[in-house]
Amino acid sequence: MTFDWRDNELKMSEWVTQRIGEICKEMGPDIMGPVAGRKAPFDTRQYQSTHITGGTIMGVDPGSSVVSPRLQHWDAQNLFVVGASVYPHNSGFNPTGPLAALALRLGDDLVQYSQRPRML
């Protein structure tokens, strides 16, 4: 193993970014911004307004998700996760509305769960 993964990651980012830039130019856009690769390791502090999502994906299959559609962890029945981390991807729009709806539904689910613990 080598410890130059950051250098390799930055090189790959630059190569992919340049290639995507070439593809975009070939598509002939009316407007195209500058093409620039990542210059430093990923840092969420720089992305506070971009709504970073994912990490504990919600889904119907325990093999491809972390929590159920009711936000209950597949492997820890008494663990529920609410937050944008349950989104499988970033939709490109502010996730606050759907997240509030999930939180409200989870509140109802937790009342039911506290009365009778089970997979919801």
PDB file of N, CA and C in Angstrom:
ATOM      1  N   MET A   1       0.840  -1.178   0.000  1.00  0.00           N
ATOM      2  CA  MET A   1       0.000   0.000   0.000  1.00  0.00           C
ATOM      3  C   MET A   1       0.883   1.237   0.000  1.00  0.00           C
ATOM      4  N   THR A   2       0.436   2.235  -0.708  1.00  0.00           N
ATOM      5  CA  THR A   2       1.139   3.512  -0.682  1.00  0.00           C
ATOM      6  C   THR A   2       0.241   4.553  -0.032  1.00  0.00           C
ATOM      7  N   PHE A   3       0.828   5.632   0.383  1.00  0.00           N
ATOM      8  CA  PHE A   3       0.076   6.678   1.042  1.00  0.00           C
ATOM      9  C   PHE A   3      -0.032   7.921   0.175  1.00  0.00           C
ATOM     10  N   ASP A   4      -0.004   7.744  -1.126  1.00  0.00           N
ATOM     11  CA  ASP A   4      -0.138   8.875  -2.034  1.00  0.00           C
ATOM     12  C   ASP A   4      -1.551   8.960  -2.598  1.00  0.00           C
ATOM     13  N   TRP A   5      -2.526   8.392  -1.890  1.00  0.00           N
ATOM     14  CA  TRP A   5      -3.886   8.370  -2.412  1.00  0.00           C
ATOM     15  C   TRP A   5      -4.444   9.759  -2.651  1.00  0.00           C
ATOM     16  N   ARG A   6      -4.079  10.737  -1.839  1.00  0.00           N
ATOM     17  CA  ARG A   6      -4.590  12.091  -2.073  1.00  0.00           C
ATOM     18  C   ARG A   6      -4.079  12.637  -3.399  1.00  0.00           C
ATOM     19  N   ASP A   7      -2.790  12.405  -3.684  1.00  0.00           N
ATOM     20  CA  ASP A   7      -2.245  12.859  -4.961  1.00  0.00           C
ATOM     21  C   ASP A   7      -2.951  12.162  -6.119  1.00  0.00           C
ATOM     22  N   ASN A   8      -3.140  10.856  -5.992  1.00  0.00           N
ATOM     23  CA  ASN A   8      -3.826  10.115  -7.053  1.00  0.00           C
ATOM     24  C   ASN A   8      -5.268  10.566  -7.203  1.00  0.00           C
ATOM     25  N   GLU A   9      -5.923  10.835  -6.076  1.00  0.00           N
ATOM     26  CA  GLU A   9      -7.300  11.297  -6.108  1.00  0.00           C
ATOM     27  C   GLU A   9      -7.407  12.641  -6.831  1.00  0.00           C
ATOM     28  N   LEU A  10      -6.484  13.539  -6.536  1.00  0.00           N
ATOM     29  CA  LEU A  10      -6.488  14.839  -7.197  1.00  0.00           C
ATOM     30  C   LEU A  10      -6.177  14.714  -8.685  1.00  0.00           C
ATOM     31  N   LYS A  11      -5.249  13.828  -9.029  1.00  0.00           N
ATOM     32  CA  LYS A  11      -4.930  13.608 -10.445  1.00  0.00           C
ATOM     33  C   LYS A  11      -6.135  13.045 -11.184  1.00  0.00           C
ATOM     34  N   MET A  12      -6.820  12.084 -10.572  1.00  0.00           N
ATOM     35  CA  MET A  12      -8.002  11.499 -11.204  1.00  0.00           C
ATOM     36  C   MET A  12      -9.104  12.547 -11.344  1.00  0.00           C
ATOM     37  N   SER A  13      -9.287  13.361 -10.316  1.00  0.00           N
ATOM     38  CA  SER A  13     -10.296  14.423 -10.380  1.00  0.00           C
ATOM     39  C   SER A  13     -10.003  15.374 -11.542  1.00  0.00           C
ATOM     40  N   GLU A  14      -8.750  15.738 -11.687  1.00  0.00           N
ATOM     41  CA  GLU A  14      -8.365  16.643 -12.775  1.00  0.00           C
ATOM     42  C   GLU A  14      -8.615  15.994 -14.132  1.00  0.00           C
ATOM     43  N   TRP A  15      -8.242  14.719 -14.284  1.00  0.00           N
ATOM     44  CA  TRP A  15      -8.431  14.021 -15.552  1.00  0.00           C
ATOM     45  C   TRP A  15      -9.913  13.914 -15.886  1.00  0.00           C
ATOM     46  N   VAL A  16     -10.737  13.502 -14.904  1.00  0.00           N
ATOM     47  CA  VAL A  16     -12.174  13.346 -15.135  1.00  0.00           C
ATOM     48  C   VAL A  16     -12.801  14.697 -15.465  1.00  0.00           C
ATOM     49  N   THR A  17     -12.413  15.721 -14.730  1.00  0.00           N
ATOM     50  CA  THR A  17     -12.973  17.054 -14.972  1.00  0.00           C
ATOM     51  C   THR A  17     -12.635  17.537 -16.374  1.00  0.00           C
ATOM     52  N   GLN A  18     -11.396  17.359 -16.793  1.00  0.00           N
ATOM     53  CA  GLN A  18     -11.008  17.777 -18.137  1.00  0.00           C
ATOM     54  C   GLN A  18     -11.779  16.997 -19.203  1.00  0.00           C
ATOM     55  N   ARG A  19     -11.930  15.708 -18.987  1.00  0.00           N
ATOM     56  CA  ARG A  19     -12.667  14.869 -19.953  1.00  0.00           C
ATOM     57  C   ARG A  19     -14.125  15.302 -20.031  1.00  0.00           C
ATOM     58  N   ILE A  20     -14.742  15.564 -18.888  1.00  0.00           N
ATOM     59  CA  ILE A  20     -16.130  16.031 -18.884  1.00  0.00           C
ATOM     60  C   ILE A  20     -16.229  17.379 -19.594  1.00  0.00           C
ATOM     61  N   GLY A  21     -15.235  18.236 -19.373  1.00  0.00           N
ATOM     62  CA  GLY A  21     -15.206  19.520 -20.067  1.00  0.00           C
ATOM     63  C   GLY A  21     -15.169  19.343 -21.583  1.00  0.00           C
ATOM     64  N   GLU A  22     -14.356  18.404 -22.055  1.00  0.00           N
ATOM     65  CA  GLU A  22     -14.277  18.129 -23.490  1.00  0.00           C
ATOM     66  C   GLU A  22     -15.620  17.640 -24.020  1.00  0.00           C
ATOM     67  N   ILE A  23     -16.247  16.742 -23.289  1.00  0.00           N
ATOM     68  CA  ILE A  23     -17.550  16.210 -23.711  1.00  0.00           C
ATOM     69  C   ILE A  23     -18.582  17.332 -23.761  1.00  0.00           C
ATOM     70  N   CYS A  24     -18.586  18.170 -22.737  1.00  0.00           N
ATOM     71  CA  CYS A  24     -19.539  19.281 -22.708  1.00  0.00           C
ATOM     72  C   CYS A  24     -19.330  20.226 -23.888  1.00  0.00           C
ATOM     73  N   LYS A  25     -18.078  20.548 -24.208  1.00  0.00           N
ATOM     74  CA  LYS A  25     -17.796  21.428 -25.340  1.00  0.00           C
ATOM     75  C   LYS A  25     -18.295  20.824 -26.645  1.00  0.00           C
ATOM     76  N   GLU A  26     -18.126  19.496 -26.793  1.00  0.00           N
ATOM     77  CA  GLU A  26     -18.600  18.801 -27.994  1.00  0.00           C
ATOM     78  C   GLU A  26     -20.118  18.877 -28.140  1.00  0.00           C
ATOM     79  N   MET A  27     -20.810  19.012 -27.013  1.00  0.00           N
ATOM     80  CA  MET A  27     -22.266  19.101 -27.048  1.00  0.00           C
ATOM     81  C   MET A  27     -22.736  20.476 -27.522  1.00  0.00           C
ATOM     82  N   GLY A  28     -21.820  21.439 -27.597  1.00  0.00           N
ATOM     83  CA  GLY A  28     -22.138  22.766 -28.118  1.00  0.00           C
ATOM     84  C   GLY A  28     -23.085  23.587 -27.261  1.00  0.00           C
ATOM     85  N   PRO A  29     -22.789  23.760 -25.984  1.00  0.00           N
ATOM     86  CA  PRO A  29     -23.699  24.535 -25.139  1.00  0.00           C
ATOM     87  C   PRO A  29     -23.699  26.018 -25.494  1.00  0.00           C
ATOM     88  N   ASP A  30     -24.806  26.679 -25.230  1.00  0.00           N
ATOM     89  CA  ASP A  30     -24.876  28.124 -25.430  1.00  0.00           C
ATOM     90  C   ASP A  30     -24.043  28.843 -24.367  1.00  0.00           C
ATOM     91  N   ILE A  31     -24.058  28.312 -23.171  1.00  0.00           N
ATOM     92  CA  ILE A  31     -23.306  28.896 -22.058  1.00  0.00           C
ATOM     93  C   ILE A  31     -22.572  27.767 -21.342  1.00  0.00           C
ATOM     94  N   MET A  32     -21.311  27.999 -21.022  1.00  0.00           N
ATOM     95  CA  MET A  32     -20.545  26.995 -20.297  1.00  0.00           C
ATOM     96  C   MET A  32     -19.568  27.690 -19.372  1.00  0.00           C
ATOM     97  N   GLY A  33     -19.607  27.327 -18.105  1.00  0.00           N
ATOM     98  CA  GLY A  33     -18.703  27.912 -17.120  1.00  0.00           C
ATOM     99  C   GLY A  33     -17.320  27.307 -17.229  1.00  0.00           C
ATOM    100  N   PRO A  34     -16.402  27.812 -16.431  1.00  0.00           N
ATOM    101  CA  PRO A  34     -15.038  27.286 -16.462  1.00  0.00           C
ATOM    102  C   PRO A  34     -14.984  25.838 -15.958  1.00  0.00           C
ATOM    103  N   VAL A  35     -14.047  25.100 -16.495  1.00  0.00           N
ATOM    104  CA  VAL A  35     -13.843  23.708 -16.095  1.00  0.00           C
ATOM    105  C   VAL A  35     -12.627  23.676 -15.180  1.00  0.00           C
ATOM    106  N   ALA A  36     -12.852  23.280 -13.921  1.00  0.00           N
ATOM    107  CA  ALA A  36     -11.753  23.246 -12.957  1.00  0.00           C
ATOM    108  C   ALA A  36     -11.905  22.029 -12.060  1.00  0.00           C
ATOM    109  N   GLY A  37     -10.833  21.281 -11.888  1.00  0.00           N
ATOM    110  CA  GLY A  37     -10.840  20.107 -11.027  1.00  0.00           C
ATOM    111  C   GLY A  37     -10.720  20.483  -9.564  1.00  0.00           C
ATOM    112  N   ARG A  38     -10.847  19.489  -8.736  1.00  0.00           N
ATOM    113  CA  ARG A  38     -10.713  19.688  -7.297  1.00  0.00           C
ATOM    114  C   ARG A  38      -9.267  20.004  -6.960  1.00  0.00           C
ATOM    115  N   LYS A  39      -9.055  20.962  -6.109  1.00  0.00           N
ATOM    116  CA  LYS A  39      -7.692  21.372  -5.776  1.00  0.00           C
ATOM    117  C   LYS A  39      -7.264  20.938  -4.379  1.00  0.00           C
ATOM    118  N   ALA A  40      -8.185  20.431  -3.594  1.00  0.00           N
ATOM    119  CA  ALA A  40      -7.850  19.997  -2.235  1.00  0.00           C
ATOM    120  C   ALA A  40      -8.773  18.842  -1.849  1.00  0.00           C
ATOM    121  N   PRO A  41      -8.452  18.100  -0.838  1.00  0.00           N
ATOM    122  CA  PRO A  41      -9.354  17.030  -0.404  1.00  0.00           C
ATOM    123  C   PRO A  41     -10.730  17.583  -0.046  1.00  0.00           C
ATOM    124  N   PHE A  42     -11.750  16.761  -0.199  1.00  0.00           N
ATOM    125  CA  PHE A  42     -13.124  17.144   0.082  1.00  0.00           C
ATOM    126  C   PHE A  42     -13.268  17.650   1.507  1.00  0.00           C
ATOM    127  N   ASP A  43     -13.930  18.767   1.666  1.00  0.00           N
ATOM    128  CA  ASP A  43     -14.120  19.380   2.980  1.00  0.00           C
ATOM    129  C   ASP A  43     -15.546  19.920   3.034  1.00  0.00           C
ATOM    130  N   THR A  44     -16.388  19.336   3.870  1.00  0.00           N
ATOM    131  CA  THR A  44     -17.792  19.737   3.916  1.00  0.00           C
ATOM    132  C   THR A  44     -17.981  21.186   4.329  1.00  0.00           C
ATOM    133  N   ARG A  45     -17.010  21.778   4.997  1.00  0.00           N
ATOM    134  CA  ARG A  45     -17.157  23.182   5.400  1.00  0.00           C
ATOM    135  C   ARG A  45     -17.296  24.098   4.195  1.00  0.00           C
ATOM    136  N   GLN A  46     -16.772  23.702   3.053  1.00  0.00           N
ATOM    137  CA  GLN A  46     -16.873  24.518   1.841  1.00  0.00           C
ATOM    138  C   GLN A  46     -18.224  24.343   1.159  1.00  0.00           C
ATOM    139  N   TYR A  47     -19.008  23.386   1.590  1.00  0.00           N
ATOM    140  CA  TYR A  47     -20.240  23.036   0.893  1.00  0.00           C
ATOM    141  C   TYR A  47     -21.466  23.225   1.783  1.00  0.00           C
ATOM    142  N   GLN A  48     -21.461  24.195   2.667  1.00  0.00           N
ATOM    143  CA  GLN A  48     -22.547  24.357   3.629  1.00  0.00           C
ATOM    144  C   GLN A  48     -23.886  24.663   2.975  1.00  0.00           C
ATOM    145  N   SER A  49     -23.919  25.236   1.797  1.00  0.00           N
ATOM    146  CA  SER A  49     -25.198  25.564   1.174  1.00  0.00           C
ATOM    147  C   SER A  49     -25.556  24.617   0.033  1.00  0.00           C
ATOM    148  N   THR A  50     -24.820  23.542  -0.146  1.00  0.00           N
ATOM    149  CA  THR A  50     -25.106  22.640  -1.259  1.00  0.00           C
ATOM    150  C   THR A  50     -25.881  21.402  -0.850  1.00  0.00           C
ATOM    151  N   HIS A  51     -26.278  21.309   0.407  1.00  0.00           N
ATOM    152  CA  HIS A  51     -27.123  20.228   0.880  1.00  0.00           C
ATOM    153  C   HIS A  51     -26.510  18.855   0.640  1.00  0.00           C
ATOM    154  N   ILE A  52     -25.392  18.594   1.265  1.00  0.00           N
ATOM    155  CA  ILE A  52     -24.738  17.298   1.185  1.00  0.00           C
ATOM    156  C   ILE A  52     -25.698  16.233   1.718  1.00  0.00           C
ATOM    157  N   THR A  53     -25.890  15.170   0.965  1.00  0.00           N
ATOM    158  CA  THR A  53     -26.829  14.120   1.356  1.00  0.00           C
ATOM    159  C   THR A  53     -26.172  12.756   1.243  1.00  0.00           C
ATOM    160  N   GLY A  54     -26.861  11.731   1.743  1.00  0.00           N
ATOM    161  CA  GLY A  54     -26.390  10.357   1.619  1.00  0.00           C
ATOM    162  C   GLY A  54     -25.594   9.892   2.813  1.00  0.00           C
ATOM    163  N   GLY A  55     -25.313   8.606   2.833  1.00  0.00           N
ATOM    164  CA  GLY A  55     -24.517   8.017   3.902  1.00  0.00           C
ATOM    165  C   GLY A  55     -25.249   6.905   4.623  1.00  0.00           C
ATOM    166  N   THR A  56     -26.520   7.136   4.946  1.00  0.00           N
ATOM    167  CA  THR A  56     -27.354   6.098   5.565  1.00  0.00           C
ATOM    168  C   THR A  56     -28.610   5.961   4.706  1.00  0.00           C
ATOM    169  N   ILE A  57     -28.425   5.456   3.525  1.00  0.00           N
ATOM    170  CA  ILE A  57     -29.455   5.428   2.485  1.00  0.00           C
ATOM    171  C   ILE A  57     -30.717   4.693   2.927  1.00  0.00           C
ATOM    172  N   MET A  58     -31.872   5.272   2.579  1.00  0.00           N
ATOM    173  CA  MET A  58     -33.174   4.690   2.833  1.00  0.00           C
ATOM    174  C   MET A  58     -33.589   3.869   1.614  1.00  0.00           C
ATOM    175  N   GLY A  59     -34.167   2.684   1.865  1.00  0.00           N
ATOM    176  CA  GLY A  59     -34.641   1.870   0.750  1.00  0.00           C
ATOM    177  C   GLY A  59     -35.442   0.678   1.229  1.00  0.00           C
ATOM    178  N   VAL A  60     -35.958  -0.080   0.264  1.00  0.00           N
ATOM    179  CA  VAL A  60     -36.797  -1.236   0.604  1.00  0.00           C
ATOM    180  C   VAL A  60     -36.003  -2.521   0.733  1.00  0.00           C
ATOM    181  N   ASP A  61     -34.730  -2.505   0.348  1.00  0.00           N
ATOM    182  CA  ASP A  61     -33.902  -3.705   0.359  1.00  0.00           C
ATOM    183  C   ASP A  61     -32.737  -3.543   1.345  1.00  0.00           C
ATOM    184  N   PRO A  62     -32.673  -4.395   2.375  1.00  0.00           N
ATOM    185  CA  PRO A  62     -31.562  -4.290   3.325  1.00  0.00           C
ATOM    186  C   PRO A  62     -30.191  -4.490   2.678  1.00  0.00           C
ATOM    187  N   GLY A  63     -30.153  -5.122   1.517  1.00  0.00           N
ATOM    188  CA  GLY A  63     -28.882  -5.340   0.831  1.00  0.00           C
ATOM    189  C   GLY A  63     -28.325  -4.101   0.155  1.00  0.00           C
ATOM    190  N   SER A  64     -29.186  -3.119  -0.090  1.00  0.00           N
ATOM    191  CA  SER A  64     -28.724  -1.918  -0.785  1.00  0.00           C
ATOM    192  C   SER A  64     -29.082  -0.631  -0.050  1.00  0.00           C
ATOM    193  N   SER A  65     -29.509  -0.748   1.190  1.00  0.00           N
ATOM    194  CA  SER A  65     -29.851   0.441   1.969  1.00  0.00           C
ATOM    195  C   SER A  65     -29.532   0.197   3.440  1.00  0.00           C
ATOM    196  N   VAL A  66     -29.489   1.271   4.202  1.00  0.00           N
ATOM    197  CA  VAL A  66     -29.162   1.190   5.625  1.00  0.00           C
ATOM    198  C   VAL A  66     -30.419   1.221   6.481  1.00  0.00           C
ATOM    199  N   VAL A  67     -31.384   2.044   6.066  1.00  0.00           N
ATOM    200  CA  VAL A  67     -32.633   2.155   6.815  1.00  0.00           C
ATOM    201  C   VAL A  67     -33.818   1.838   5.920  1.00  0.00           C
ATOM    202  N   SER A  68     -34.915   1.425   6.548  1.00  0.00           N
ATOM    203  CA  SER A  68     -36.153   1.120   5.828  1.00  0.00           C
ATOM    204  C   SER A  68     -36.845   2.419   5.408  1.00  0.00           C
ATOM    205  N   PRO A  69     -37.890   2.335   4.589  1.00  0.00           N
ATOM    206  CA  PRO A  69     -38.636   3.542   4.242  1.00  0.00           C
ATOM    207  C   PRO A  69     -39.247   4.245   5.463  1.00  0.00           C
ATOM    208  N   ARG A  70     -39.339   3.546   6.591  1.00  0.00           N
ATOM    209  CA  ARG A  70     -39.832   4.153   7.831  1.00  0.00           C
ATOM    210  C   ARG A  70     -38.666   4.655   8.690  1.00  0.00           C
ATOM    211  N   LEU A  71     -37.475   4.702   8.108  1.00  0.00           N
ATOM    212  CA  LEU A  71     -36.255   5.239   8.730  1.00  0.00           C
ATOM    213  C   LEU A  71     -35.706   4.377   9.865  1.00  0.00           C
ATOM    214  N   GLN A  72     -36.112   3.122   9.903  1.00  0.00           N
ATOM    215  CA  GLN A  72     -35.647   2.193  10.931  1.00  0.00           C
ATOM    216  C   GLN A  72     -34.448   1.424  10.389  1.00  0.00           C
ATOM    217  N   HIS A  73     -33.379   1.380  11.170  1.00  0.00           N
ATOM    218  CA  HIS A  73     -32.162   0.685  10.751  1.00  0.00           C
ATOM    219  C   HIS A  73     -32.461  -0.797  10.556  1.00  0.00           C
ATOM    220  N   TRP A  74     -31.988  -1.349   9.456  1.00  0.00           N
ATOM    221  CA  TRP A  74     -32.254  -2.755   9.152  1.00  0.00           C
ATOM    222  C   TRP A  74     -31.649  -3.699  10.185  1.00  0.00           C
ATOM    223  N   ASP A  75     -30.477  -3.371  10.716  1.00  0.00           N
ATOM    224  CA  ASP A  75     -29.776  -4.283  11.614  1.00  0.00           C
ATOM    225  C   ASP A  75     -29.918  -3.944  13.095  1.00  0.00           C
ATOM    226  N   ALA A  76     -30.453  -2.799  13.418  1.00  0.00           N
ATOM    227  CA  ALA A  76     -30.642  -2.392  14.814  1.00  0.00           C
ATOM    228  C   ALA A  76     -32.074  -1.869  14.948  1.00  0.00           C
ATOM    229  N   GLN A  77     -32.963  -2.731  15.324  1.00  0.00           N
ATOM    230  CA  GLN A  77     -34.396  -2.439  15.328  1.00  0.00           C
ATOM    231  C   GLN A  77     -34.753  -1.171  16.109  1.00  0.00           C
ATOM    232  N   ASN A  78     -34.019  -0.861  17.155  1.00  0.00           N
ATOM    233  CA  ASN A  78     -34.351   0.302  17.976  1.00  0.00           C
ATOM    234  C   ASN A  78     -33.605   1.576  17.559  1.00  0.00           C
ATOM    235  N   LEU A  79     -33.022   1.567  16.365  1.00  0.00           N
ATOM    236  CA  LEU A  79     -32.299   2.733  15.860  1.00  0.00           C
ATOM    237  C   LEU A  79     -33.042   3.310  14.660  1.00  0.00           C
ATOM    238  N   PHE A  80     -33.370   4.583  14.749  1.00  0.00           N
ATOM    239  CA  PHE A  80     -34.026   5.293  13.657  1.00  0.00           C
ATOM    240  C   PHE A  80     -33.134   6.446  13.244  1.00  0.00           C
ATOM    241  N   VAL A  81     -33.076   6.723  11.953  1.00  0.00           N
ATOM    242  CA  VAL A  81     -32.217   7.788  11.432  1.00  0.00           C
ATOM    243  C   VAL A  81     -33.079   8.775  10.671  1.00  0.00           C
ATOM    244  N   VAL A  82     -32.993  10.035  11.033  1.00  0.00           N
ATOM    245  CA  VAL A  82     -33.709  11.065  10.283  1.00  0.00           C
ATOM    246  C   VAL A  82     -32.712  12.158   9.932  1.00  0.00           C
ATOM    247  N   GLY A  83     -32.698  12.537   8.698  1.00  0.00           N
ATOM    248  CA  GLY A  83     -31.776  13.559   8.206  1.00  0.00           C
ATOM    249  C   GLY A  83     -31.543  13.345   6.726  1.00  0.00           C
ATOM    250  N   ALA A  84     -30.894  14.283   6.096  1.00  0.00           N
ATOM    251  CA  ALA A  84     -30.646  14.191   4.655  1.00  0.00           C
ATOM    252  C   ALA A  84     -29.721  13.033   4.303  1.00  0.00           C
ATOM    253  N   SER A  85     -29.124  12.409   5.310  1.00  0.00           N
ATOM    254  CA  SER A  85     -28.259  11.261   5.038  1.00  0.00           C
ATOM    255  C   SER A  85     -29.051  10.079   4.475  1.00  0.00           C
ATOM    256  N   VAL A  86     -30.370  10.069   4.664  1.00  0.00           N
ATOM    257  CA  VAL A  86     -31.176   8.938   4.177  1.00  0.00           C
ATOM    258  C   VAL A  86     -31.504   9.056   2.695  1.00  0.00           C
ATOM    259  N   TYR A  87     -31.233  10.194   2.094  1.00  0.00           N
ATOM    260  CA  TYR A  87     -31.507  10.363   0.661  1.00  0.00           C
ATOM    261  C   TYR A  87     -30.478   9.593  -0.159  1.00  0.00           C
ATOM    262  N   PRO A  88     -30.925   8.849  -1.168  1.00  0.00           N
ATOM    263  CA  PRO A  88     -29.986   8.076  -1.979  1.00  0.00           C
ATOM    264  C   PRO A  88     -29.146   8.947  -2.917  1.00  0.00           C
ATOM    265  N   HIS A  89     -29.586  10.172  -3.158  1.00  0.00           N
ATOM    266  CA  HIS A  89     -28.835  11.090  -4.024  1.00  0.00           C
ATOM    267  C   HIS A  89     -29.271  12.512  -3.707  1.00  0.00           C
ATOM    268  N   ASN A  90     -28.527  13.467  -4.197  1.00  0.00           N
ATOM    269  CA  ASN A  90     -28.891  14.868  -4.029  1.00  0.00           C
ATOM    270  C   ASN A  90     -29.751  15.262  -5.211  1.00  0.00           C
ATOM    271  N   SER A  91     -30.958  15.679  -4.930  1.00  0.00           N
ATOM    272  CA  SER A  91     -31.894  15.986  -6.009  1.00  0.00           C
ATOM    273  C   SER A  91     -31.578  17.288  -6.723  1.00  0.00           C
ATOM    274  N   GLY A  92     -30.719  18.095  -6.156  1.00  0.00           N
ATOM    275  CA  GLY A  92     -30.412  19.376  -6.769  1.00  0.00           C
ATOM    276  C   GLY A  92     -31.296  20.487  -6.235  1.00  0.00           C
ATOM    277  N   PHE A  93     -32.210  20.159  -5.345  1.00  0.00           N
ATOM    278  CA  PHE A  93     -33.090  21.142  -4.741  1.00  0.00           C
ATOM    279  C   PHE A  93     -32.966  21.055  -3.228  1.00  0.00           C
ATOM    280  N   ASN A  94     -33.437  22.080  -2.558  1.00  0.00           N
ATOM    281  CA  ASN A  94     -33.379  22.120  -1.102  1.00  0.00           C
ATOM    282  C   ASN A  94     -34.165  20.933  -0.532  1.00  0.00           C
ATOM    283  N   PRO A  95     -33.526  20.107   0.298  1.00  0.00           N
ATOM    284  CA  PRO A  95     -34.191  18.902   0.811  1.00  0.00           C
ATOM    285  C   PRO A  95     -35.018  19.129   2.073  1.00  0.00           C
ATOM    286  N   THR A  96     -35.173  20.377   2.499  1.00  0.00           N
ATOM    287  CA  THR A  96     -35.806  20.645   3.784  1.00  0.00           C
ATOM    288  C   THR A  96     -37.264  20.200   3.845  1.00  0.00           C
ATOM    289  N   GLY A  97     -38.060  20.467   2.813  1.00  0.00           N
ATOM    290  CA  GLY A  97     -39.481  20.098   2.830  1.00  0.00           C
ATOM    291  C   GLY A  97     -39.697  18.600   2.969  1.00  0.00           C
ATOM    292  N   PRO A  98     -39.138  17.798   2.075  1.00  0.00           N
ATOM    293  CA  PRO A  98     -39.299  16.346   2.212  1.00  0.00           C
ATOM    294  C   PRO A  98     -38.713  15.818   3.523  1.00  0.00           C
ATOM    295  N   LEU A  99     -37.639  16.424   3.991  1.00  0.00           N
ATOM    296  CA  LEU A  99     -37.031  15.999   5.247  1.00  0.00           C
ATOM    297  C   LEU A  99     -37.967  16.281   6.417  1.00  0.00           C
ATOM    298  N   ALA A 100     -38.644  17.420   6.387  1.00  0.00           N
ATOM    299  CA  ALA A 100     -39.617  17.734   7.440  1.00  0.00           C
ATOM    300  C   ALA A 100     -40.754  16.717   7.428  1.00  0.00           C
ATOM    301  N   ALA A 101     -41.203  16.330   6.225  1.00  0.00           N
ATOM    302  CA  ALA A 101     -42.266  15.325   6.126  1.00  0.00           C
ATOM    303  C   ALA A 101     -41.810  13.986   6.703  1.00  0.00           C
ATOM    304  N   LEU A 102     -40.575  13.587   6.386  1.00  0.00           N
ATOM    305  CA  LEU A 102     -40.045  12.339   6.950  1.00  0.00           C
ATOM    306  C   LEU A 102     -39.957  12.416   8.473  1.00  0.00           C
ATOM    307  N   ALA A 103     -39.548  13.559   8.991  1.00  0.00           N
ATOM    308  CA  ALA A 103     -39.425  13.729  10.442  1.00  0.00           C
ATOM    309  C   ALA A 103     -40.788  13.653  11.114  1.00  0.00           C
ATOM    310  N   LEU A 104     -41.802  14.270  10.506  1.00  0.00           N
ATOM    311  CA  LEU A 104     -43.156  14.203  11.073  1.00  0.00           C
ATOM    312  C   LEU A 104     -43.676  12.770  11.080  1.00  0.00           C
ATOM    313  N   ARG A 105     -43.463  12.060   9.976  1.00  0.00           N
ATOM    314  CA  ARG A 105     -43.912  10.666   9.925  1.00  0.00           C
ATOM    315  C   ARG A 105     -43.160   9.821  10.939  1.00  0.00           C
ATOM    316  N   LEU A 106     -41.864  10.081  11.091  1.00  0.00           N
ATOM    317  CA  LEU A 106     -41.085   9.333  12.068  1.00  0.00           C
ATOM    318  C   LEU A 106     -41.607   9.579  13.482  1.00  0.00           C
ATOM    319  N   GLY A 107     -42.036  10.800  13.763  1.00  0.00           N
ATOM    320  CA  GLY A 107     -42.607  11.081  15.079  1.00  0.00           C
ATOM    321  C   GLY A 107     -43.789  10.176  15.370  1.00  0.00           C
ATOM    322  N   ASP A 108     -44.688  10.036  14.406  1.00  0.00           N
ATOM    323  CA  ASP A 108     -45.834   9.131  14.569  1.00  0.00           C
ATOM    324  C   ASP A 108     -45.367   7.688  14.717  1.00  0.00           C
ATOM    325  N   ASP A 109     -44.396   7.297  13.900  1.00  0.00           N
ATOM    326  CA  ASP A 109     -43.875   5.925  13.967  1.00  0.00           C
ATOM    327  C   ASP A 109     -43.239   5.627  15.321  1.00  0.00           C
ATOM    328  N   LEU A 110     -42.541   6.606  15.882  1.00  0.00           N
ATOM    329  CA  LEU A 110     -41.883   6.384  17.176  1.00  0.00           C
ATOM    330  C   LEU A 110     -42.899   6.212  18.303  1.00  0.00           C
ATOM    331  N   VAL A 111     -44.029   6.898  18.214  1.00  0.00           N
ATOM    332  CA  VAL A 111     -45.091   6.698  19.208  1.00  0.00           C
ATOM    333  C   VAL A 111     -45.574   5.251  19.131  1.00  0.00           C
ATOM    334  N   GLN A 112     -45.829   4.773  17.909  1.00  0.00           N
ATOM    335  CA  GLN A 112     -46.260   3.382  17.733  1.00  0.00           C
ATOM    336  C   GLN A 112     -45.180   2.414  18.212  1.00  0.00           C
ATOM    337  N   TYR A 113     -43.922   2.691  17.848  1.00  0.00           N
ATOM    338  CA  TYR A 113     -42.823   1.800  18.215  1.00  0.00           C
ATOM    339  C   TYR A 113     -42.651   1.732  19.722  1.00  0.00           C
ATOM    340  N   SER A 114     -42.790   2.858  20.413  1.00  0.00           N
ATOM    341  CA  SER A 114     -42.609   2.858  21.860  1.00  0.00           C
ATOM    342  C   SER A 114     -43.703   2.047  22.562  1.00  0.00           C
ATOM    343  N   GLN A 115     -44.874   1.958  21.932  1.00  0.00           N
ATOM    344  CA  GLN A 115     -45.964   1.169  22.500  1.00  0.00           C
ATOM    345  C   GLN A 115     -45.780  -0.326  22.215  1.00  0.00           C
ATOM    346  N   ARG A 116     -45.204  -0.626  21.058  1.00  0.00           N
ATOM    347  CA  ARG A 116     -44.978  -2.026  20.663  1.00  0.00           C
ATOM    348  C   ARG A 116     -43.750  -2.108  19.765  1.00  0.00           C
ATOM    349  N   PRO A 117     -42.550  -2.295  20.342  1.00  0.00           N
ATOM    350  CA  PRO A 117     -41.311  -2.358  19.545  1.00  0.00           C
ATOM    351  C   PRO A 117     -41.342  -3.486  18.519  1.00  0.00           C
ATOM    352  N   ARG A 118     -41.056  -3.150  17.270  1.00  0.00           N
ATOM    353  CA  ARG A 118     -41.039  -4.118  16.174  1.00  0.00           C
ATOM    354  C   ARG A 118     -40.503  -3.426  14.924  1.00  0.00           C
ATOM    355  N   MET A 119     -40.283  -4.205  13.870  1.00  0.00           N
ATOM    356  CA  MET A 119     -39.924  -3.580  12.583  1.00  0.00           C
ATOM    357  C   MET A 119     -41.208  -2.947  12.037  1.00  0.00           C
ATOM    358  N   LEU A 120     -41.119  -1.674  11.700  1.00  0.00           N
ATOM    359  CA  LEU A 120     -42.277  -0.967  11.163  1.00  0.00           C
ATOM    360  C   LEU A 120     -42.380  -1.139   9.667  1.00  0.00           C
TER     361      LEU A 120
END
